[in-house]
Amino acid sequence: MTTLLVAKQYLKLFYSKYEIYITPFLKFLLAFISLLLINSHLGFMAGIDKLSIVLIVALMCSFMPTNFIVIMAALFTLLHLYAFNLVCAIVVAAAFMLMFLLYFRFSPKDTAVVVLTPICFLLKIPYVMPISMGLIGTPASAVSVACGVIVYYIIHYVKENVTLLSGMAEDEMAAKFKIVIDGLLNNKEMVVTIVAFAVALILVYVIRRLSIDYAWTIAMAAGAFVNIMVILIGDLMFDTNVSLLGAIIGTVISFLLTVVLQFFVFHVDYSRTEKVQFEDDEYYYYVKAVPKVTLARPEKQVKHIAGQSKNRNMN
């Protein structure tokens, strides 16, 4: 454990020293991965499905505000859909507009969440997002997580129905609108996932703010359990055909990842908890103080050898 604490201390010092370089690099990496995934899963417009274009846009994102990443990801998605099917582009553009209104109204600072949620879906660990945001976010972060879920299922729906949509005649515009809108609005799996993530996130947030020992650990375990239960109940009620084994494995992996997050964000020593009571002219105060687990920064010691110094002086 001491080795991990030392490594954590050095990582924090390294980041604080080189933050001006690390932050743009992380934004570049996030934009690069998200745009690559969009191109690999859609790829209908050859003009933007190029590594050079992705690199240039990702480089732009590294020097722009983080919300610019979301805007560019949405633009790439809409351009691919426009090249594939105009109806899909119009419907998805309307959905994106609604999501952006909700996102910028309630949680405009959770840019990474909107982008990371679809990426976590592709990595089969989407359940890490509601638990993590319950720990470090607010209940409003459920909006950002929900937007990320919707983005993933939009891309997934288009990819799964390429043959159906491309096989319809151009004069069947109304039928195309109906198929796309029904496919998005009647996606029961997406609705169940949004509800499960929102319930888990809010539960984790409420529990981790309680004044009890190991609140964060209890919150993570409760969030993981509730997430599985809501998905299971939703599958029984709406027949979403969700893989229960996959949900359990993904939740367990997500729980372990949030344990790592807890180590870096909220690592405390409950054995040294102190409770303090004091008062002023108007109030009594009851304070519970839980110390963080930290290590003192090692100091370099320079040893002087007296014999060598004496010989040098004599010479």
Foldseek 3Di string as FASTA:
>chain_A
DVVVQVVLVVVVVVCVVPVVPVQLVVQLVLLLVLLQVLCVLQVLDVVCSDSVNSNVQSNVRSPDPLLVSVVVSLVSNLVSVVSQDVLLSVVVVVVVVVLVVLCVVQPVPPSSLLSVQLVCVVVLQNLLSLLQCLQVHALSCLSSNLNSLLVNVSSVLCSVCSVVLNPDDPVPSVVSNVVSVCSSVVLLLSVLQSVLSSVLNNQLNVQLPDPDPPSNLVSLVVSLVSSLVSSVVSCVVPVNVDDSVSSNVSSVVSSVVVVVVCLSPPAWDPVPKDWDWDDDPPDIDIDIDIGHDHDDDDDDDDDDDVVVVVVVVVD
